[in-house]
Protein backbone atom coordinates (compact mmCIF):
# COMPACT_ATOMS: atom_id res chain seq x y z
CA MET A 1 -9.25 46.51 -45.09
CA ASN A 2 -6.49 45.02 -47.41
CA ASP A 3 -5.98 41.44 -48.25
CA PHE A 4 -3.66 40.68 -45.10
CA GLU A 5 -5.91 42.21 -42.67
CA LYS A 6 -7.97 39.69 -43.84
CA ARG A 7 -5.54 36.57 -43.62
CA LEU A 8 -4.03 37.56 -40.65
CA GLU A 9 -8.20 38.13 -39.02
CA LYS A 10 -8.34 34.42 -39.80
CA ALA A 11 -5.20 33.42 -38.87
CA ILE A 12 -6.02 34.35 -35.24
CA GLU A 13 -9.47 32.87 -35.08
CA ARG A 14 -8.24 29.43 -36.43
CA GLY A 15 -5.50 29.50 -33.86
CA GLN A 16 -8.41 30.95 -31.22
CA GLN A 17 -10.30 27.59 -32.69
CA VAL A 18 -7.34 25.50 -31.70
CA ARG A 19 -6.56 26.07 -28.11
CA ASP A 20 -10.63 26.05 -27.18
CA LEU A 21 -10.36 22.45 -28.95
CA ARG A 22 -7.81 22.17 -27.00
CA GLY A 23 -9.17 23.21 -23.97
CA ARG A 24 -12.54 21.22 -24.29
CA GLU A 25 -10.11 17.94 -24.89
CA LYS A 26 -8.43 18.76 -21.70
CA GLN A 27 -11.70 19.18 -20.20
CA LEU A 28 -12.67 15.94 -21.17
CA ARG A 29 -10.01 14.26 -20.23
CA ALA A 30 -9.83 15.13 -16.73
CA LEU A 31 -12.03 13.24 -14.24
CA THR A 32 -14.88 15.61 -12.35
CA GLU A 33 -14.61 15.97 -8.72
CA ALA A 34 -18.11 13.33 -8.89
CA GLU A 35 -15.89 10.85 -11.01
CA LEU A 36 -12.98 10.94 -8.46
CA ARG A 37 -15.21 10.01 -5.16
CA ASN A 38 -16.62 7.18 -7.31
CA LEU A 39 -12.86 5.82 -8.76
CA HIS A 40 -11.96 6.92 -4.64
CA SER A 41 -14.98 4.68 -3.64
CA LYS A 42 -14.55 1.05 -5.59
CA TYR A 43 -10.94 0.90 -4.90
CA ARG A 44 -11.58 2.00 -1.39
CA LEU A 45 -13.99 -1.30 -1.46
CA GLU A 46 -11.49 -3.50 -3.29
CA LEU A 47 -8.75 -2.82 -1.01
CA SER A 48 -10.84 -2.77 2.18
CA ASP A 49 -12.36 -6.00 1.19
CA HIS A 50 -8.32 -7.52 0.79
CA ILE A 51 -7.31 -5.65 4.10
CA GLU A 52 -9.93 -7.52 5.78
CA LYS A 53 -9.56 -11.35 3.79
CA CYS A 54 -5.63 -11.03 5.19
CA LEU A 55 -6.22 -9.58 8.17
CA ARG A 56 -8.89 -12.70 9.22
CA SER A 57 -6.23 -15.19 8.00
CA LEU A 58 -3.77 -13.48 10.08
CA ALA A 59 -6.20 -13.87 12.97
CA ASP A 60 -6.94 -17.55 12.00
CA ARG A 61 -3.13 -18.31 12.88
CA PHE A 62 -2.50 -16.68 15.54
CA PRO A 63 -5.28 -17.60 18.23
CA GLY A 64 -6.71 -15.36 20.90
CA PHE A 65 -6.30 -12.35 18.23
CA GLU A 66 -9.93 -10.56 18.02
CA PHE A 67 -10.52 -8.94 14.76
CA GLU A 68 -12.40 -5.49 14.14
CA THR A 69 -14.22 -4.28 11.04
CA ILE A 70 -13.18 -0.45 10.82
CA VAL A 71 -15.98 1.94 9.25
CA GLY A 72 -15.81 5.59 9.65
CA GLU A 73 -14.04 9.29 9.94
CA GLU A 74 -10.54 7.08 9.95
CA GLY A 75 -11.11 5.24 6.67
CA TRP A 76 -12.44 1.61 5.86
CA GLY A 77 -10.33 -1.46 6.91
CA ALA A 78 -9.54 -3.77 9.59
CA ARG A 79 -7.75 -4.42 13.07
CA ILE A 80 -6.99 -7.57 14.87
CA SER A 81 -5.68 -7.23 18.58
CA ARG A 82 -4.65 -9.57 21.36
CA ASP A 83 -4.00 -9.38 25.14
CA ASP A 84 -1.17 -11.72 26.14
CA LEU A 85 -0.59 -11.96 29.87
CA GLY A 86 3.16 -12.61 30.86
CA PHE A 87 6.38 -12.01 32.58
CA SER A 88 8.65 -8.91 32.68
CA GLN A 89 12.21 -9.20 33.39
CA GLU A 90 12.31 -9.12 36.89
CA GLY A 91 9.81 -12.10 37.17
CA ARG A 92 6.73 -9.78 37.56
CA PRO A 93 2.69 -10.66 35.94
CA GLU A 94 3.14 -7.93 32.74
CA ASN A 95 0.12 -7.68 29.98
CA PHE A 96 1.52 -7.22 26.24
CA TYR A 97 -0.24 -5.66 23.42
CA ASN A 98 -0.57 -6.76 20.00
CA ARG A 99 -2.18 -5.22 17.22
CA LEU A 100 -2.34 -4.64 13.59
CA GLU A 101 -4.79 -2.16 11.95
CA MET A 102 -4.93 -0.91 7.98
CA VAL A 103 -6.99 1.32 6.59
CA ILE A 104 -7.95 3.14 3.38
CA ARG A 105 -8.19 7.21 4.44
CA PRO A 106 -11.12 8.40 3.46
CA PHE A 107 -11.56 10.95 -0.05
CA SER A 108 -9.64 13.59 0.33
CA PRO A 109 -9.00 17.01 -1.86
CA THR A 110 -5.75 16.09 -2.69
CA HIS A 111 -7.80 13.45 -4.62
CA ILE A 112 -4.93 10.14 -3.49
CA VAL A 113 -5.81 6.94 -2.04
CA GLU A 114 -3.97 6.64 0.86
CA LEU A 115 -3.24 3.24 2.96
CA ALA A 116 -2.49 3.67 6.51
CA ALA A 117 -1.00 0.97 8.97
CA LYS A 118 -0.16 0.28 12.22
CA ALA A 119 1.61 -2.43 14.00
CA THR A 120 2.54 -3.18 17.56
CA ILE A 121 3.96 -6.33 18.97
CA ARG A 122 4.22 -6.70 22.79
CA ASN A 123 3.56 -3.35 23.57
CA LYS A 124 6.40 -1.76 21.24
CA GLU A 125 5.78 0.05 18.09
CA LEU A 126 6.67 -2.14 14.69
CA PHE A 127 5.50 0.07 12.34
CA ASN A 128 3.10 3.26 11.62
CA ARG A 129 3.07 3.80 7.78
CA ASN A 130 2.00 5.53 5.24
CA TYR A 131 0.82 4.27 1.02
CA TYR A 132 -0.30 6.38 -1.41
CA GLN A 133 -0.94 7.04 -4.89
CA LYS A 134 -3.14 9.58 -7.42
CA LEU A 135 -6.35 8.30 -8.23
CA SER A 136 -5.76 9.09 -11.86
CA GLU A 137 -2.67 7.02 -11.62
CA LEU A 138 -3.23 4.13 -8.97
CA LYS A 139 -2.53 0.31 -10.04
CA LEU A 140 -4.16 -1.72 -7.43
CA GLU A 141 -1.82 -4.58 -8.24
CA THR A 142 1.49 -2.26 -5.97
CA TYR A 143 -1.42 -1.69 -3.02
CA VAL A 144 -2.61 -5.39 -2.97
CA GLU A 145 1.24 -6.19 -2.82
CA VAL A 146 2.07 -3.72 0.06
CA ILE A 147 -0.71 -4.75 2.16
CA ASP A 148 0.23 -8.26 1.90
CA GLN A 149 3.82 -7.46 2.78
CA TRP A 150 2.79 -5.63 5.23
CA VAL A 151 0.96 -8.49 7.15
CA LEU A 152 3.50 -11.02 6.10
CA GLU A 153 6.16 -8.60 8.27
CA PHE A 154 3.55 -8.45 11.03
CA ALA A 155 3.39 -12.55 10.83
CA GLU A 156 7.20 -13.10 11.02
CA ARG A 157 8.03 -10.71 13.93
CA PHE A 158 5.09 -11.76 15.55
CA SER A 159 5.93 -15.25 15.46
CA ALA A 160 9.73 -14.85 16.10
CA GLU A 161 8.24 -13.05 19.70
CA VAL A 162 5.28 -14.23 21.02
CA PRO A 163 6.34 -17.93 22.43
């Protein structure tokens, strides 16, 4: 093998070593599935606690709401609901259903944290929303702001529509 061939072989080996090093660095930076599950659980606990705190506070402000913690296949969070008796426009007695439910969905292969919320005031859907971010890019403060905003929106509309 001549001098050029030897240098060529060494250059190729160095290039492969650089590629292998980059691959190892990328693996170290990437979160494993178990680490992603743990991270999701951590966020889920913090966010579901915040949801419970907000909905308990809301239920305390409006008597008659029943508070319920949600833990299961649909997610983790809370729900408040209340049935009101009233009269229809024709003057007949009528039941009115009010509800606000917020949950953090279970871990999924998409590696996101998803907040789902449903709100109903006097039998009419106020909103049915989802908000999500990738686990690796999640900003907890943003979720807290979204939860607060949706609870405040419900409180304002409920107090405007229910006598």
